[in-house]
């Protein structure tokens, strides 16, 4: 007759629940995986499928009852680790959104707002276009597989345990969040420079011919120059975004190494 003790049952539950908490936390925050346009059941099934593939290769977790205070603390720790890893890559896409908003603002397209399926909110048309383009390039470069590889490697560097992650890991995450503004400005800088030159030229033209209606002429010219500069910049977008995605993956690994250093 097969008998199960409470210790064995707790060990089986812990071996499933603790790693799955980190996996689901990452898939709930990482780009592409956390797309709000995908139903929650599908995202949950994707997380469970990843867990089924990853958990058998992991080392057995410590003998901690999941329902105990220490078990709940470990569960919360795994959720924090997964969320931090997902937010590290999310910052890269946030930088692309910032670049799109800045370019759209300079082109006069800030009033063109559409529904964003990734954030389940409203965003500028140009920012939405750049976000979709970045997501396609991310998938074409197998970025989602690299994120999963980093997730699997995190269990080797930072196994499930009662130890708390040190503060340098969270400091690294906060410093990495600065990429939202720095990379966003750098990505939009060429188009902003072209639009700035266009606005200066329109100002000089208006000064030379005061009877010229700046609002009737400036808006089409600014949009035409903006779309022309964007058309010229699109062939160069893939290498730049590839570098940015690589920096995001490196930051995610550095975050795990910082959390593993004790």
Protein backbone atom coordinates (compact mmCIF):
# COMPACT_ATOMS: atom_id res chain seq x y z
CA UNK A 1 0.00 0.00 0.00
CA UNK A 2 1.33 3.39 -1.00
CA UNK A 3 1.66 5.80 1.89
CA UNK A 4 2.64 9.45 1.86
CA UNK A 5 3.96 11.38 4.78
CA UNK A 6 3.37 15.07 5.28
CA UNK A 7 7.11 15.72 4.82
CA UNK A 8 7.09 14.04 1.40
CA UNK A 9 3.99 15.92 0.35
CA UNK A 10 5.50 19.23 1.45
CA UNK A 11 8.70 18.43 -0.46
CA UNK A 12 6.76 17.72 -3.68
CA UNK A 13 4.66 20.85 -3.33
CA UNK A 14 7.73 22.96 -2.58
CA UNK A 15 9.59 21.55 -5.61
CA UNK A 16 6.70 22.71 -7.80
CA UNK A 17 5.45 25.89 -6.16
CA UNK A 18 8.70 27.74 -5.41
CA UNK A 19 10.25 27.58 -8.90
CA UNK A 20 6.85 28.13 -10.52
CA UNK A 21 6.41 31.35 -8.55
CA UNK A 22 9.58 32.79 -10.10
CA UNK A 23 8.61 31.61 -13.57
CA UNK A 24 5.08 33.01 -13.42
CA UNK A 25 6.34 36.29 -11.96
CA UNK A 26 8.74 36.71 -14.89
CA UNK A 27 6.13 35.83 -17.51
CA UNK A 28 3.75 38.31 -15.86
CA UNK A 29 6.21 41.22 -16.29
CA UNK A 30 8.62 40.37 -19.13
CA UNK A 31 7.92 41.87 -22.57
CA UNK A 32 6.04 39.76 -25.13
CA UNK A 33 5.07 37.24 -22.43
CA UNK A 34 3.09 39.86 -20.49
CA UNK A 35 1.24 41.24 -23.50
CA UNK A 36 -2.18 42.31 -22.24
CA UNK A 37 -3.66 41.41 -25.63
CA UNK A 38 -3.11 37.73 -24.85
CA UNK A 39 -5.78 36.17 -22.59
CA UNK A 40 -4.68 35.48 -19.03
CA UNK A 41 -5.45 31.79 -19.34
CA UNK A 42 -3.07 31.51 -22.29
CA UNK A 43 -0.35 33.35 -20.40
CA UNK A 44 -0.91 31.07 -17.39
CA UNK A 45 -0.67 27.97 -19.59
CA UNK A 46 2.55 29.29 -21.12
CA UNK A 47 4.01 29.80 -17.65
CA UNK A 48 2.96 26.30 -16.59
CA UNK A 49 4.48 24.82 -19.76
CA UNK A 50 7.76 26.61 -19.07
CA UNK A 51 7.66 25.35 -15.49
CA UNK A 52 7.10 21.76 -16.62
CA UNK A 53 10.14 22.04 -18.90
CA UNK A 54 12.44 23.74 -16.37
CA UNK A 55 11.53 22.28 -12.96
CA UNK A 56 12.71 18.65 -13.57
CA UNK A 57 16.27 19.88 -14.22
CA UNK A 58 16.48 21.89 -10.98
CA UNK A 59 18.10 20.84 -7.75
CA UNK A 60 15.72 19.82 -4.96
CA UNK A 61 14.64 22.80 -2.87
CA UNK A 62 15.31 22.95 0.88
CA UNK A 63 12.95 21.09 3.18
CA UNK A 64 10.61 23.96 3.96
CA UNK A 65 6.87 23.56 4.34
CA UNK A 66 5.18 25.87 1.78
CA UNK A 67 2.44 26.83 4.24
CA UNK A 68 4.85 27.80 7.02
CA UNK A 69 6.16 31.29 7.66
CA UNK A 70 9.55 30.43 6.15
CA UNK A 71 7.83 28.91 3.13
CA UNK A 72 5.75 32.02 2.52
CA UNK A 73 8.91 34.11 2.83
CA UNK A 74 10.68 31.96 0.22
CA UNK A 75 7.60 32.20 -2.02
CA UNK A 76 7.61 35.99 -1.77
CA UNK A 77 11.34 36.02 -2.50
CA UNK A 78 10.86 33.98 -5.69
CA UNK A 79 8.11 36.34 -6.83
CA UNK A 80 10.35 39.36 -6.24
CA UNK A 81 13.21 37.76 -8.19
CA UNK A 82 10.96 36.94 -11.15
CA UNK A 83 9.39 40.40 -11.19
CA UNK A 84 12.82 42.07 -11.02
CA UNK A 85 14.10 40.01 -13.96
CA UNK A 86 11.02 40.80 -16.00
CA UNK A 87 11.16 44.51 -15.23
CA UNK A 88 14.79 44.59 -16.36
CA UNK A 89 13.75 43.67 -19.90
CA UNK A 90 10.58 45.75 -19.63
CA UNK A 91 12.76 48.86 -19.17
CA UNK A 92 14.18 48.35 -22.67
CA UNK A 93 10.73 48.46 -24.25
CA UNK A 94 9.79 51.40 -22.05
CA UNK A 95 12.76 53.27 -23.52
CA UNK A 96 11.43 52.57 -27.01
CA UNK A 97 8.03 53.91 -25.95
CA UNK A 98 9.68 57.07 -24.64
CA UNK A 99 11.49 57.51 -27.96
CA UNK A 100 8.23 57.13 -29.87
CA UNK A 101 6.46 59.64 -27.63
CA UNK A 102 9.26 62.20 -28.06
CA UNK A 103 9.31 61.82 -31.83
CA UNK A 104 5.52 61.99 -32.07
CA UNK A 105 5.50 65.11 -29.92
CA UNK A 106 7.99 66.86 -32.18
CA UNK A 107 6.10 65.79 -35.31
CA UNK A 108 2.80 67.08 -33.95
CA UNK A 109 1.27 63.61 -33.61
CA UNK A 110 0.76 63.73 -29.87
CA UNK A 111 -3.00 63.97 -30.41
CA UNK A 112 -3.05 60.72 -32.44
CA UNK A 113 -3.72 58.20 -29.67
CA UNK A 114 -4.57 54.53 -30.09
CA UNK A 115 -5.22 51.59 -27.80
CA UNK A 116 -2.03 49.82 -26.77
CA UNK A 117 -2.61 46.06 -26.35
CA UNK A 118 0.68 45.65 -24.44
CA UNK A 119 -0.18 48.06 -21.65
CA UNK A 120 -3.98 47.89 -22.01
CA UNK A 121 -4.00 51.69 -22.22
CA UNK A 122 -3.65 54.51 -24.71
CA UNK A 123 -0.40 55.50 -26.40
CA UNK A 124 0.70 57.62 -29.32
CA UNK A 125 0.41 56.20 -32.82
CA UNK A 126 4.13 56.49 -33.49
CA UNK A 127 5.05 55.01 -30.11
CA UNK A 128 2.70 52.10 -30.81
CA UNK A 129 4.31 51.54 -34.22
CA UNK A 130 7.82 51.51 -32.75
CA UNK A 131 6.71 49.20 -29.92
CA UNK A 132 5.26 46.68 -32.38
CA UNK A 133 8.38 46.93 -34.53
CA UNK A 134 10.59 46.33 -31.48
CA UNK A 135 8.48 43.32 -30.45
CA UNK A 136 8.82 41.78 -33.93
CA UNK A 137 12.59 42.35 -33.94
CA UNK A 138 12.78 40.90 -30.42
CA UNK A 139 11.01 37.75 -31.57
CA UNK A 140 13.06 37.54 -34.78
CA UNK A 141 16.27 37.66 -32.71
CA UNK A 142 14.91 34.89 -30.43
CA UNK A 143 14.96 37.32 -27.54
CA UNK A 144 12.13 35.46 -25.82
CA UNK A 145 14.22 32.28 -25.86
CA UNK A 146 17.20 34.18 -24.44
CA UNK A 147 14.99 35.45 -21.62
CA UNK A 148 13.93 31.88 -20.85
CA UNK A 149 17.57 30.77 -20.97
CA UNK A 150 18.42 33.51 -18.48
CA UNK A 151 15.54 32.37 -16.30
CA UNK A 152 16.79 28.80 -16.33
CA UNK A 153 20.34 29.93 -15.54
CA UNK A 154 19.06 32.02 -12.63
CA UNK A 155 18.14 28.85 -10.75
CA UNK A 156 21.80 27.76 -10.93
CA UNK A 157 23.17 31.11 -9.78
CA UNK A 158 20.37 31.83 -7.32
CA UNK A 159 18.72 28.56 -6.25
CA UNK A 160 15.56 28.45 -4.23
CA UNK A 161 16.40 29.00 -0.59
CA UNK A 162 15.55 31.01 2.52
CA UNK A 163 18.42 33.46 2.00
CA UNK A 164 17.40 37.02 1.22
CA UNK A 165 18.67 38.84 -1.85
CA UNK A 166 21.09 41.63 -0.91
CA UNK A 167 20.39 45.28 -1.52
CA UNK A 168 22.93 45.69 -4.38
CA UNK A 169 20.60 43.73 -6.65
CA UNK A 170 17.76 46.21 -6.11
CA UNK A 171 20.17 49.13 -6.45
CA UNK A 172 21.26 47.70 -9.79
CA UNK A 173 17.63 47.48 -10.90
CA UNK A 174 17.02 51.11 -9.95
CA UNK A 175 20.14 52.26 -11.81
CA UNK A 176 19.16 50.22 -14.83
CA UNK A 177 15.78 51.98 -14.89
CA UNK A 178 17.66 55.10 -16.02
CA UNK A 179 17.90 53.45 -19.45
CA UNK A 180 14.23 54.37 -19.93
CA UNK A 181 15.24 58.01 -20.31
CA UNK A 182 18.81 57.83 -21.63
CA UNK A 183 18.16 55.23 -24.32
CA UNK A 184 14.82 56.81 -25.19
CA UNK A 185 16.43 60.19 -25.81
CA UNK A 186 19.33 58.65 -27.75
CA UNK A 187 16.99 56.63 -29.97
CA UNK A 188 14.90 59.69 -30.81
CA UNK A 189 17.81 62.14 -31.11
CA UNK A 190 18.41 61.83 -34.91
CA UNK A 191 14.76 62.50 -35.74
CA UNK A 192 14.48 65.25 -33.13
CA UNK A 193 17.56 66.93 -34.65
CA UNK A 194 16.02 66.77 -38.14
CA UNK A 195 12.75 68.21 -36.86
CA UNK A 196 14.61 70.92 -34.94
CA UNK A 197 16.35 72.04 -38.11
CA UNK A 198 12.98 72.02 -39.87
CA UNK A 199 11.38 74.18 -37.19
CA UNK A 200 14.29 76.62 -37.31
CA UNK A 201 13.94 76.85 -41.08
CA UNK A 202 10.20 77.46 -40.76
CA UNK A 203 10.88 80.17 -38.19
CA UNK A 204 13.31 81.92 -40.53
CA UNK A 205 10.83 81.56 -43.41
CA UNK A 206 8.04 83.02 -41.30
CA UNK A 207 10.31 85.90 -40.30
CA UNK A 208 11.13 86.60 -43.95
CA UNK A 209 7.51 86.29 -45.10
CA UNK A 210 5.19 87.32 -42.24
CA UNK A 211 2.12 86.83 -44.40
CA UNK A 212 2.85 83.11 -44.56
CA UNK A 213 0.53 81.07 -42.34
CA UNK A 214 2.87 79.04 -40.15
CA UNK A 215 0.13 76.70 -38.90
CA UNK A 216 -1.06 75.89 -42.41
CA UNK A 217 2.42 75.25 -43.79
CA UNK A 218 4.45 74.12 -40.79
CA UNK A 219 2.32 71.14 -39.77
CA UNK A 220 2.46 69.29 -43.16
CA UNK A 221 6.15 70.11 -43.58
CA UNK A 222 7.01 68.87 -40.09
CA UNK A 223 5.10 65.63 -40.62
CA UNK A 224 6.67 65.08 -44.05
CA UNK A 225 10.19 65.62 -42.71
CA UNK A 226 9.48 63.42 -39.70
CA UNK A 227 8.15 60.53 -41.76
CA UNK A 228 10.99 60.92 -44.25
CA UNK A 229 13.61 60.81 -41.49
CA UNK A 230 11.83 57.84 -39.93
CA UNK A 231 11.85 56.03 -43.29
CA UNK A 232 15.60 56.59 -43.57
CA UNK A 233 16.20 55.48 -39.97
CA UNK A 234 14.16 52.25 -40.07
CA UNK A 235 16.84 50.17 -41.89
CA UNK A 236 19.23 51.03 -39.06
CA UNK A 237 16.75 50.18 -36.31
CA UNK A 238 17.45 46.44 -36.12
CA UNK A 239 21.18 46.67 -35.19
CA UNK A 240 20.48 49.40 -32.63
CA UNK A 241 17.64 47.47 -31.01
CA UNK A 242 19.72 44.29 -31.06
CA UNK A 243 22.40 46.09 -29.05
CA UNK A 244 19.78 47.44 -26.66
CA UNK A 245 18.23 44.00 -26.18
CA UNK A 246 21.68 42.57 -25.52
CA UNK A 247 22.28 45.18 -22.84
CA UNK A 248 18.94 44.28 -21.27
CA UNK A 249 19.85 40.58 -21.16
CA UNK A 250 23.26 41.42 -19.68
CA UNK A 251 21.57 43.59 -17.05
CA UNK A 252 19.21 40.73 -16.19
CA UNK A 253 22.14 38.37 -15.68
CA UNK A 254 24.02 41.01 -13.66
CA UNK A 255 20.95 41.40 -11.46
CA UNK A 256 20.88 37.67 -10.71
CA UNK A 257 24.63 37.61 -10.01
CA UNK A 258 24.29 40.57 -7.68
CA UNK A 259 21.45 38.81 -5.85
CA UNK A 260 23.53 35.61 -5.64
CA UNK A 261 26.55 37.37 -4.11
CA UNK A 262 26.51 36.92 -0.35
